[in-house]
Amino acid sequence: MRRLLLAAILGLAVGAGNGCILPIYNSDPTVRTQELIFTSENLRLIGEEWQRIWFLDQPSHLSPYRTHGGLI
């Protein structure tokens, strides 16, 4: 019972820390800034990637002017 209680306390202490056990970004401010810029740029390009995947960025094959299509 004592080991279970100590394990729970240790888990809470580790879980309540400043984020993950392994940090995502570097501790050097200049390198961390560069990594954050790369991450934000990747998230900014999601919209363009979505359009490319669903072929929404393809040129339209419709004529730029209206045509009647019937006999006049």
N, C-alpha and C. Protein backbone atom coordinates (compact mmCIF):
# COMPACT_ATOMS: atom_id res chain seq x y z
N MET A 1 0.82 -1.19 0.00
CA MET A 1 0.00 0.00 0.00
C MET A 1 0.87 1.26 0.00
N ARG A 2 1.95 1.20 0.73
CA ARG A 2 2.85 2.34 0.82
C ARG A 2 3.48 2.63 -0.55
N ARG A 3 3.87 1.58 -1.27
CA ARG A 3 4.48 1.77 -2.59
C ARG A 3 3.46 2.35 -3.57
N LEU A 4 2.23 1.92 -3.50
CA LEU A 4 1.19 2.44 -4.38
C LEU A 4 0.95 3.93 -4.10
N LEU A 5 0.92 4.30 -2.85
CA LEU A 5 0.73 5.70 -2.48
C LEU A 5 1.92 6.55 -2.94
N LEU A 6 3.14 6.04 -2.75
CA LEU A 6 4.32 6.77 -3.22
C LEU A 6 4.35 6.88 -4.75
N ALA A 7 3.93 5.84 -5.42
CA ALA A 7 3.88 5.87 -6.88
C ALA A 7 2.84 6.89 -7.36
N ALA A 8 1.71 6.97 -6.68
CA ALA A 8 0.67 7.94 -7.04
C ALA A 8 1.16 9.37 -6.81
N ILE A 9 1.84 9.60 -5.70
CA ILE A 9 2.37 10.94 -5.40
C ILE A 9 3.44 11.31 -6.41
N LEU A 10 4.30 10.38 -6.75
CA LEU A 10 5.33 10.64 -7.75
C LEU A 10 4.71 10.93 -9.12
N GLY A 11 3.66 10.19 -9.47
CA GLY A 11 2.97 10.42 -10.74
C GLY A 11 2.32 11.79 -10.79
N LEU A 12 1.73 12.22 -9.70
CA LEU A 12 1.13 13.55 -9.65
C LEU A 12 2.20 14.64 -9.73
N ALA A 13 3.32 14.41 -9.06
CA ALA A 13 4.39 15.40 -9.09
C ALA A 13 4.98 15.53 -10.49
N VAL A 14 5.16 14.43 -11.17
CA VAL A 14 5.70 14.46 -12.53
C VAL A 14 4.66 15.02 -13.50
N GLY A 15 3.41 14.65 -13.32
CA GLY A 15 2.34 15.11 -14.21
C GLY A 15 2.04 16.59 -14.06
N ALA A 16 2.28 17.15 -12.89
CA ALA A 16 1.98 18.57 -12.65
C ALA A 16 3.14 19.46 -13.02
N GLY A 17 4.17 18.93 -13.62
CA GLY A 17 5.34 19.73 -14.01
C GLY A 17 5.05 20.66 -15.16
N ASN A 18 6.08 21.26 -15.70
CA ASN A 18 5.94 22.20 -16.80
C ASN A 18 5.93 21.49 -18.14
N GLY A 19 4.95 20.73 -18.44
CA GLY A 19 4.83 20.09 -19.75
C GLY A 19 5.30 18.66 -19.74
N CYS A 20 5.81 18.24 -20.84
CA CYS A 20 6.20 16.86 -21.06
C CYS A 20 7.55 16.57 -20.41
N ILE A 21 7.83 15.29 -20.22
CA ILE A 21 9.12 14.88 -19.66
C ILE A 21 10.23 15.22 -20.65
N LEU A 22 10.00 14.92 -21.93
CA LEU A 22 10.94 15.27 -22.98
C LEU A 22 10.44 16.55 -23.65
N PRO A 23 11.19 17.63 -23.58
CA PRO A 23 10.71 18.90 -24.16
C PRO A 23 10.64 18.83 -25.68
N ILE A 24 9.66 19.50 -26.24
CA ILE A 24 9.49 19.50 -27.69
C ILE A 24 10.51 20.43 -28.34
N TYR A 25 10.71 21.60 -27.73
CA TYR A 25 11.58 22.61 -28.31
C TYR A 25 12.89 22.70 -27.55
N ASN A 26 13.89 23.23 -28.21
CA ASN A 26 15.22 23.38 -27.65
C ASN A 26 15.22 24.44 -26.55
N SER A 27 16.14 24.37 -25.62
CA SER A 27 16.21 25.34 -24.54
C SER A 27 16.91 26.63 -24.95
N ASP A 28 17.69 26.60 -26.01
CA ASP A 28 18.36 27.80 -26.50
C ASP A 28 17.32 28.72 -27.15
N PRO A 29 17.23 29.98 -26.73
CA PRO A 29 16.17 30.86 -27.25
C PRO A 29 16.22 31.08 -28.76
N THR A 30 17.41 31.17 -29.34
CA THR A 30 17.47 31.42 -30.79
C THR A 30 17.02 30.19 -31.57
N VAL A 31 17.43 29.02 -31.13
CA VAL A 31 17.02 27.79 -31.81
C VAL A 31 15.53 27.55 -31.59
N ARG A 32 15.04 27.83 -30.39
CA ARG A 32 13.62 27.65 -30.08
C ARG A 32 12.76 28.58 -30.94
N THR A 33 13.21 29.82 -31.13
CA THR A 33 12.47 30.75 -31.98
C THR A 33 12.40 30.24 -33.41
N GLN A 34 13.48 29.72 -33.91
CA GLN A 34 13.49 29.16 -35.28
C GLN A 34 12.54 27.97 -35.37
N GLU A 35 12.54 27.10 -34.37
CA GLU A 35 11.64 25.95 -34.38
C GLU A 35 10.18 26.38 -34.32
N LEU A 36 9.87 27.40 -33.52
CA LEU A 36 8.49 27.90 -33.43
C LEU A 36 8.05 28.52 -34.75
N ILE A 37 8.96 29.21 -35.43
CA ILE A 37 8.62 29.79 -36.73
C ILE A 37 8.32 28.68 -37.73
N PHE A 38 9.14 27.64 -37.75
CA PHE A 38 8.90 26.52 -38.66
C PHE A 38 7.56 25.85 -38.37
N THR A 39 7.24 25.67 -37.08
CA THR A 39 5.98 25.04 -36.71
C THR A 39 4.80 25.89 -37.14
N SER A 40 4.85 27.20 -36.91
CA SER A 40 3.73 28.05 -37.28
C SER A 40 3.58 28.12 -38.79
N GLU A 41 4.68 28.10 -39.54
CA GLU A 41 4.58 28.10 -40.99
C GLU A 41 3.93 26.82 -41.49
N ASN A 42 4.25 25.69 -40.87
CA ASN A 42 3.63 24.43 -41.27
C ASN A 42 2.14 24.45 -41.02
N LEU A 43 1.71 25.03 -39.90
CA LEU A 43 0.28 25.10 -39.60
C LEU A 43 -0.43 26.09 -40.51
N ARG A 44 0.27 27.09 -40.98
CA ARG A 44 -0.33 28.08 -41.87
C ARG A 44 -0.60 27.50 -43.25
N LEU A 45 0.14 26.48 -43.64
CA LEU A 45 0.01 25.92 -44.98
C LEU A 45 -1.00 24.79 -45.06
N ILE A 46 -1.72 24.50 -43.97
CA ILE A 46 -2.67 23.39 -43.99
C ILE A 46 -3.79 23.66 -45.00
N GLY A 47 -4.26 24.91 -45.08
CA GLY A 47 -5.34 25.24 -46.03
C GLY A 47 -4.95 24.98 -47.46
N GLU A 48 -3.75 25.38 -47.83
CA GLU A 48 -3.29 25.13 -49.20
C GLU A 48 -3.10 23.64 -49.46
N GLU A 49 -2.64 22.92 -48.46
CA GLU A 49 -2.47 21.47 -48.62
C GLU A 49 -3.81 20.79 -48.81
N TRP A 50 -4.82 21.24 -48.07
CA TRP A 50 -6.17 20.68 -48.19
C TRP A 50 -6.71 20.92 -49.60
N GLN A 51 -6.52 22.10 -50.13
CA GLN A 51 -7.00 22.39 -51.49
C GLN A 51 -6.26 21.55 -52.52
N ARG A 52 -4.98 21.32 -52.31
CA ARG A 52 -4.21 20.52 -53.25
C ARG A 52 -4.66 19.06 -53.22
N ILE A 53 -4.95 18.54 -52.02
CA ILE A 53 -5.37 17.14 -51.89
C ILE A 53 -6.72 16.92 -52.58
N TRP A 54 -7.66 17.85 -52.39
CA TRP A 54 -8.99 17.69 -52.96
C TRP A 54 -9.11 18.30 -54.35
N PHE A 55 -7.99 18.67 -54.97
CA PHE A 55 -7.95 19.20 -56.34
C PHE A 55 -8.81 20.46 -56.48
N LEU A 56 -8.85 21.29 -55.44
CA LEU A 56 -9.60 22.54 -55.52
C LEU A 56 -8.78 23.65 -56.14
N ASP A 57 -7.49 23.43 -56.32
CA ASP A 57 -6.63 24.47 -56.88
C ASP A 57 -6.43 24.31 -58.38
N GLN A 58 -7.19 23.42 -59.01
CA GLN A 58 -7.05 23.19 -60.44
C GLN A 58 -7.76 24.30 -61.22
N PRO A 59 -7.32 24.59 -62.42
CA PRO A 59 -7.99 25.63 -63.20
C PRO A 59 -9.38 25.18 -63.64
N SER A 60 -10.26 26.15 -63.76
CA SER A 60 -11.62 25.85 -64.18
C SER A 60 -11.65 25.66 -65.70
N HIS A 61 -12.40 24.67 -66.15
CA HIS A 61 -12.53 24.42 -67.58
C HIS A 61 -13.79 25.08 -68.15
N LEU A 62 -14.46 25.86 -67.33
CA LEU A 62 -15.64 26.57 -67.81
C LEU A 62 -15.21 27.79 -68.61
N SER A 63 -16.05 28.19 -69.53
CA SER A 63 -15.72 29.37 -70.33
C SER A 63 -15.89 30.61 -69.46
N PRO A 64 -15.10 31.65 -69.73
CA PRO A 64 -15.20 32.86 -68.91
C PRO A 64 -16.44 33.69 -69.21
N TYR A 65 -17.22 33.33 -70.24
CA TYR A 65 -18.43 34.08 -70.60
C TYR A 65 -19.57 33.07 -70.76
N ARG A 66 -20.78 33.55 -70.60
CA ARG A 66 -21.95 32.67 -70.70
C ARG A 66 -22.25 32.34 -72.17
N THR A 67 -22.59 31.12 -72.40
CA THR A 67 -23.05 30.69 -73.72
C THR A 67 -24.44 30.11 -73.57
N HIS A 68 -25.28 30.32 -74.58
CA HIS A 68 -26.66 29.86 -74.48
C HIS A 68 -26.73 28.36 -74.61
N GLY A 69 -26.08 27.78 -75.56
CA GLY A 69 -26.05 26.34 -75.72
C GLY A 69 -27.18 25.80 -76.57
N GLY A 70 -28.22 26.57 -76.80
CA GLY A 70 -29.34 26.12 -77.61
C GLY A 70 -29.36 26.82 -78.95
N LEU A 71 -30.34 26.47 -79.76
CA LEU A 71 -30.48 27.12 -81.07
C LEU A 71 -31.22 28.45 -80.90
N ILE A 72 -30.74 29.44 -81.58
CA ILE A 72 -31.40 30.75 -81.50
C ILE A 72 -32.21 30.96 -82.75
